[in-house]
Amino acid sequence: MAGIVTNPGAGKAQAAVPEHLTESRPVKYLLIGIALLFVALIVVLPMVTVLSQAFSKGWSSYVYALKDPDALAALRLTLTTALLAVPLNSLFGLAAAWAITKFKFRGKNLLITLIDLPFAVSPVISGLIYVLLFGAQGLLGPWLQEHDIHIIFATPGIVLATMFVTFPFVARELIPLMEAQGVLDEEAAVSLGARGWRVFRRVTLPNIKWGLLYGMILCNARAMGEFGAVSVVSGHIRGETNTLPLHIEILYNEYQFTSAFAVASLLMLLAVVTLIAKSILERRMSGHGG
């Protein structure tokens, strides 16, 4: 057939490929080479550098840096912040995506704009907003001080700042997916007698589970690595309000390069563990017919 090429060694099971979608071998190898070069320079080389610097003074120095009480406190605070911010943002993302894609109401475009706001606002500015609201000289600061409620320079402020910069991720993954799926499945379930929570649990959630999971992974990665907004509201109190990124900055500024890279390798390990967990969950759910 004119305009159609096939791979002669691929057998009958291989479908014909339109000629305009194929490239010559030199072009293919060039594109693959460029992609691999970018991955090597942007991903692999920085990871290798972090690991090599972390172990530059041996295993004992590496372990000593990670066992430091300030490093352990930063790790606990980072994990606590992620454990609070990710589920709350996931609930918000589900509710927002459900409302935007399944219902018509006034203010829908405004809600979408507000969801995208953290992408347009600098994290440092978002941190300053919380200082102006909850700081000692802020709008609510005097009332909070009277009731001995600490938000700025404490864990609640760090969680709030992290939630602000990460809350679009789940919603922004689910909205396009749920818009593409439409409302036919839900309407069919309702016509068969299902209502409310049952429709969501048995129809909507299975259709969006992979988008939800991907959004949660992006949200978690950003929550653990957030620096700008957290830096403003934390106060940089060692052992109390320093997350891992802030602790790394302090170590680097104090010329403790080996310790800084050791803690950075821990943050990198958390990201790798997140990706591995995603892969395992995908395989298990696929094995159960998900």
Protein backbone atom coordinates (compact mmCIF):
# COMPACT_ATOMS: atom_id res chain seq x y z
CA MET A 1 0.00 0.00 0.00
CA ALA A 2 1.35 3.42 -0.89
CA GLY A 3 2.49 5.57 2.02
CA ILE A 4 2.68 2.61 4.43
CA VAL A 5 5.86 0.91 5.60
CA THR A 6 6.26 -2.18 7.73
CA ASN A 7 9.10 -3.80 9.60
CA PRO A 8 9.86 -6.99 7.63
CA GLY A 9 11.36 -8.77 10.64
CA ALA A 10 8.53 -8.01 13.02
CA GLY A 11 6.15 -10.76 11.84
CA LYS A 12 2.48 -10.64 11.09
CA ALA A 13 1.56 -9.42 14.56
CA GLN A 14 3.26 -6.06 13.95
CA ALA A 15 0.83 -3.42 12.72
CA ALA A 16 1.70 -1.32 9.70
CA VAL A 17 3.23 2.06 10.53
CA PRO A 18 2.41 5.14 8.45
CA GLU A 19 5.47 6.31 6.59
CA HIS A 20 5.20 9.89 7.92
CA LEU A 21 5.54 8.53 11.47
CA THR A 22 8.86 6.78 10.82
CA GLU A 23 12.38 8.20 10.81
CA SER A 24 15.65 7.03 9.38
CA ARG A 25 18.08 5.24 11.67
CA PRO A 26 20.52 8.17 11.94
CA VAL A 27 17.68 10.46 13.03
CA LYS A 28 16.43 7.90 15.57
CA TYR A 29 19.89 7.43 17.05
CA LEU A 30 20.42 11.19 17.16
CA LEU A 31 17.16 11.78 19.04
CA ILE A 32 17.86 8.91 21.45
CA GLY A 33 21.39 10.21 22.00
CA ILE A 34 20.15 13.73 22.76
CA ALA A 35 17.58 12.36 25.23
CA LEU A 36 20.17 10.19 26.98
CA LEU A 37 22.61 13.10 27.12
CA PHE A 38 20.05 15.34 28.78
CA VAL A 39 19.13 12.62 31.29
CA ALA A 40 22.80 12.04 32.06
CA LEU A 41 23.56 15.74 32.57
CA ILE A 42 20.39 16.76 34.42
CA VAL A 43 19.56 13.62 36.45
CA VAL A 44 22.35 11.05 36.60
CA LEU A 45 25.37 13.35 36.99
CA PRO A 46 23.89 15.38 39.91
CA MET A 47 22.88 12.15 41.69
CA VAL A 48 26.35 10.67 41.24
CA THR A 49 27.91 13.92 42.48
CA VAL A 50 25.74 13.95 45.61
CA LEU A 51 26.60 10.34 46.44
CA SER A 52 30.32 10.74 45.74
CA GLN A 53 30.53 13.84 47.94
CA ALA A 54 28.46 12.22 50.68
CA PHE A 55 30.89 9.27 50.93
CA SER A 56 34.05 11.30 50.24
CA LYS A 57 35.21 10.92 53.87
CA GLY A 58 34.10 7.34 54.28
CA TRP A 59 31.13 5.43 55.62
CA SER A 60 31.65 6.44 59.25
CA SER A 61 31.46 10.15 58.44
CA TYR A 62 28.34 9.53 56.36
CA VAL A 63 26.58 7.69 59.19
CA TYR A 64 27.70 10.30 61.72
CA ALA A 65 26.12 13.06 59.63
CA LEU A 66 22.81 11.20 59.44
CA LYS A 67 22.78 10.30 63.16
CA ASP A 68 23.21 13.93 64.16
CA PRO A 69 20.25 14.95 66.36
CA ASP A 70 19.54 18.00 64.21
CA ALA A 71 19.46 15.85 61.06
CA LEU A 72 17.09 13.36 62.69
CA ALA A 73 14.83 16.18 63.88
CA ALA A 74 14.79 17.64 60.36
CA LEU A 75 13.89 14.22 58.95
CA ARG A 76 11.02 13.81 61.42
CA LEU A 77 9.66 17.25 60.65
CA THR A 78 9.91 16.66 56.88
CA LEU A 79 8.02 13.36 57.11
CA THR A 80 5.44 14.83 59.49
CA THR A 81 4.81 17.75 57.16
CA ALA A 82 4.38 15.45 54.16
CA LEU A 83 2.10 13.09 56.10
CA LEU A 84 -0.18 16.00 56.97
CA ALA A 85 -0.03 18.01 53.75
CA VAL A 86 -0.44 15.21 51.20
CA PRO A 87 -3.67 13.63 52.57
CA LEU A 88 -5.27 17.04 53.14
CA ASN A 89 -4.37 18.23 49.65
CA SER A 90 -5.60 14.94 48.21
CA LEU A 91 -8.99 15.45 49.85
CA PHE A 92 -9.11 18.99 48.50
CA GLY A 93 -8.04 17.85 45.03
CA LEU A 94 -10.73 15.16 44.94
CA ALA A 95 -13.44 17.56 46.10
CA ALA A 96 -12.36 20.32 43.73
CA ALA A 97 -12.06 18.02 40.72
CA TRP A 98 -15.43 16.42 41.50
CA ALA A 99 -17.15 19.80 41.78
CA ILE A 100 -15.52 21.29 38.68
CA THR A 101 -16.04 18.32 36.36
CA LYS A 102 -19.38 16.95 37.53
CA PHE A 103 -21.40 20.08 38.29
CA LYS A 104 -22.21 23.47 36.80
CA PHE A 105 -22.13 26.38 39.23
CA ARG A 106 -21.28 30.05 39.40
CA GLY A 107 -17.66 30.77 40.19
CA LYS A 108 -16.26 27.64 38.55
CA ASN A 109 -13.69 29.59 36.53
CA LEU A 110 -12.70 31.53 39.65
CA LEU A 111 -12.14 28.27 41.52
CA ILE A 112 -9.93 26.96 38.71
CA THR A 113 -7.93 30.18 38.76
CA LEU A 114 -7.46 29.98 42.53
CA ILE A 115 -6.26 26.38 42.23
CA ASP A 116 -3.56 27.53 39.81
CA LEU A 117 -2.55 30.48 42.00
CA PRO A 118 0.38 28.74 43.76
CA PHE A 119 1.95 28.07 40.35
CA ALA A 120 2.02 31.82 39.69
CA VAL A 121 3.05 33.05 43.15
CA SER A 122 6.62 32.72 44.35
CA PRO A 123 6.93 30.34 47.33
CA VAL A 124 8.76 33.08 49.23
CA ILE A 125 5.78 35.42 48.72
CA SER A 126 3.39 32.74 49.97
CA GLY A 127 5.51 32.36 53.10
CA LEU A 128 5.46 36.13 53.67
CA ILE A 129 1.66 36.08 53.38
CA TYR A 130 1.44 33.67 56.32
CA VAL A 131 3.87 35.83 58.31
CA LEU A 132 1.65 38.86 57.67
CA LEU A 133 -1.39 36.88 58.78
CA PHE A 134 -0.08 34.90 61.76
CA GLY A 135 3.16 36.64 62.74
CA ALA A 136 3.59 38.60 65.98
CA GLN A 137 2.86 41.87 64.16
CA GLY A 138 0.42 40.28 61.73
CA LEU A 139 -3.33 40.54 61.38
CA LEU A 140 -4.09 37.65 63.74
CA GLY A 141 -0.80 37.70 65.63
CA PRO A 142 -1.95 39.49 68.81
CA TRP A 143 -4.98 37.20 69.22
CA LEU A 144 -2.82 34.11 68.71
CA GLN A 145 -0.33 35.33 71.30
CA GLU A 146 -3.11 35.95 73.83
CA HIS A 147 -4.26 32.34 73.42
CA ASP A 148 -0.70 30.92 73.32
CA ILE A 149 -1.16 29.53 69.78
CA HIS A 150 2.05 29.25 67.78
CA ILE A 151 1.83 29.06 63.99
CA ILE A 152 4.76 31.04 62.59
CA PHE A 153 8.17 29.60 63.53
CA ALA A 154 6.41 26.36 64.46
CA THR A 155 5.18 23.18 62.81
CA PRO A 156 1.65 24.49 61.94
CA GLY A 157 3.14 27.31 59.88
CA ILE A 158 5.42 24.90 58.03
CA VAL A 159 2.48 22.61 57.24
CA LEU A 160 0.33 25.53 56.04
CA ALA A 161 3.09 26.89 53.81
CA THR A 162 3.72 23.44 52.38
CA MET A 163 0.03 22.88 51.72
CA PHE A 164 -0.21 26.19 49.87
CA VAL A 165 2.58 25.39 47.41
CA THR A 166 1.46 21.78 46.86
CA PHE A 167 -2.33 21.85 46.81
CA PRO A 168 -2.70 22.28 42.99
CA PHE A 169 -0.96 19.00 42.14
CA VAL A 170 -3.72 16.49 42.88
CA ALA A 171 -6.49 18.71 41.53
CA ARG A 172 -4.56 19.51 38.36
CA GLU A 173 -3.97 15.81 37.67
CA LEU A 174 -7.61 14.86 38.25
CA ILE A 175 -9.48 17.69 36.50
CA PRO A 176 -8.38 16.88 32.91
CA LEU A 177 -8.82 13.16 33.54
CA MET A 178 -12.33 13.50 34.93
CA GLU A 179 -13.33 15.96 32.20
CA ALA A 180 -12.24 13.44 29.56
CA GLN A 181 -14.22 10.66 31.25
CA GLY A 182 -17.41 12.72 31.40
CA VAL A 183 -20.41 11.87 33.55
CA LEU A 184 -21.92 8.93 31.65
CA ASP A 185 -20.70 6.29 34.10
CA GLU A 186 -22.04 8.20 37.11
CA GLU A 187 -25.38 8.81 35.40
CA ALA A 188 -25.66 5.11 34.60
CA ALA A 189 -24.94 4.23 38.24
CA VAL A 190 -27.54 6.71 39.47
CA SER A 191 -30.11 5.31 37.03
CA LEU A 192 -29.51 1.88 38.57
CA GLY A 193 -30.23 3.18 42.07
CA ALA A 194 -26.76 4.08 43.39
CA ARG A 195 -26.37 7.31 45.31
CA GLY A 196 -23.71 9.67 46.63
CA TRP A 197 -20.80 7.91 48.30
CA ARG A 198 -21.56 4.59 46.60
CA VAL A 199 -21.29 6.19 43.14
CA PHE A 200 -17.99 7.79 44.07
CA ARG A 201 -16.52 4.64 45.65
CA ARG A 202 -17.66 2.11 43.04
CA VAL A 203 -17.56 4.18 39.83
CA THR A 204 -15.59 7.42 40.04
CA LEU A 205 -12.69 6.37 42.25
CA PRO A 206 -11.70 3.25 40.22
CA ASN A 207 -11.65 5.39 37.07
CA ILE A 208 -9.34 8.04 38.55
CA LYS A 209 -7.13 5.97 40.87
CA TRP A 210 -3.98 6.23 38.72
CA GLY A 211 -4.37 9.97 38.25
CA LEU A 212 -4.97 10.36 41.99
CA LEU A 213 -1.90 8.28 42.80
CA TYR A 214 0.28 10.25 40.39
CA GLY A 215 -0.94 13.55 41.81
CA MET A 216 -0.23 12.37 45.36
CA ILE A 217 3.30 11.35 44.37
CA LEU A 218 3.97 14.76 42.83
CA CYS A 219 2.50 16.45 45.89
CA ASN A 220 4.63 14.33 48.24
CA ALA A 221 7.83 14.99 46.31
CA ARG A 222 7.24 18.75 46.36
CA ALA A 223 6.26 18.68 50.05
CA MET A 224 9.48 16.95 51.08
CA GLY A 225 11.66 19.19 48.92
CA GLU A 226 9.96 22.57 49.48
CA PHE A 227 12.40 25.28 50.50
CA GLY A 228 11.24 28.85 49.78
CA ALA A 229 7.93 29.09 51.64
CA VAL A 230 9.12 26.89 54.51
CA SER A 231 12.29 28.97 54.86
CA VAL A 232 10.24 32.12 55.52
CA VAL A 233 7.89 30.67 58.15
CA SER A 234 10.28 28.28 59.92
CA GLY A 235 12.65 30.67 61.67
CA HIS A 236 15.53 28.22 61.02
CA ILE A 237 15.50 26.89 64.58
CA ARG A 238 17.85 23.93 64.71
CA GLY A 239 16.26 20.74 65.92
CA GLU A 240 12.78 22.27 65.90
CA THR A 241 11.70 24.01 62.69
CA ASN A 242 14.34 22.98 60.15
CA THR A 243 13.20 20.55 57.47
CA LEU A 244 15.76 18.55 55.49
CA PRO A 245 16.24 21.21 52.74
CA LEU A 246 16.77 23.91 55.39
CA HIS A 247 19.18 21.71 57.34
CA ILE A 248 21.16 21.05 54.17
CA GLU A 249 21.42 24.80 53.53
CA ILE A 250 22.73 25.47 57.04
CA LEU A 251 25.33 22.71 56.77
CA TYR A 252 26.50 23.97 53.38
CA ASN A 253 26.73 27.57 54.56
CA GLU A 254 28.85 26.39 57.49
CA TYR A 255 31.21 24.63 55.05
CA GLN A 256 30.22 21.18 56.32
CA PHE A 257 30.08 19.93 52.77
CA THR A 258 30.27 16.20 53.49
CA SER A 259 27.44 16.40 56.02
CA ALA A 260 25.38 18.55 53.67
CA PHE A 261 25.70 16.06 50.82
CA ALA A 262 25.04 13.15 53.20
CA VAL A 263 21.71 14.67 54.26
CA ALA A 264 20.99 15.54 50.60
CA SER A 265 21.48 11.87 49.70
CA LEU A 266 18.86 11.01 52.34
CA LEU A 267 16.39 13.39 50.69
CA MET A 268 17.24 11.82 47.33
CA LEU A 269 16.64 8.37 48.82
CA LEU A 270 13.17 9.42 49.99
CA ALA A 271 12.33 10.44 46.42
CA VAL A 272 13.55 7.08 45.07
CA VAL A 273 11.53 5.20 47.70
CA THR A 274 8.44 7.15 46.65
CA LEU A 275 8.90 6.08 43.02
CA ILE A 276 9.49 2.44 44.01
CA ALA A 277 6.33 2.45 46.14
CA LYS A 278 4.39 3.79 43.17
CA SER A 279 5.66 1.00 40.90
CA ILE A 280 4.87 -1.72 43.46
CA LEU A 281 1.36 -0.39 44.03
CA GLU A 282 0.71 -0.21 40.30
CA ARG A 283 1.75 -3.86 39.83
CA ARG A 284 -0.35 -5.10 42.73
CA MET A 285 -3.44 -3.22 41.62
CA SER A 286 -2.96 -4.40 38.04
CA GLY A 287 -2.64 -7.97 39.30
CA HIS A 288 -6.00 -7.66 41.07
CA GLY A 289 -7.70 -6.46 37.93
CA GLY A 290 -7.47 -2.76 38.86
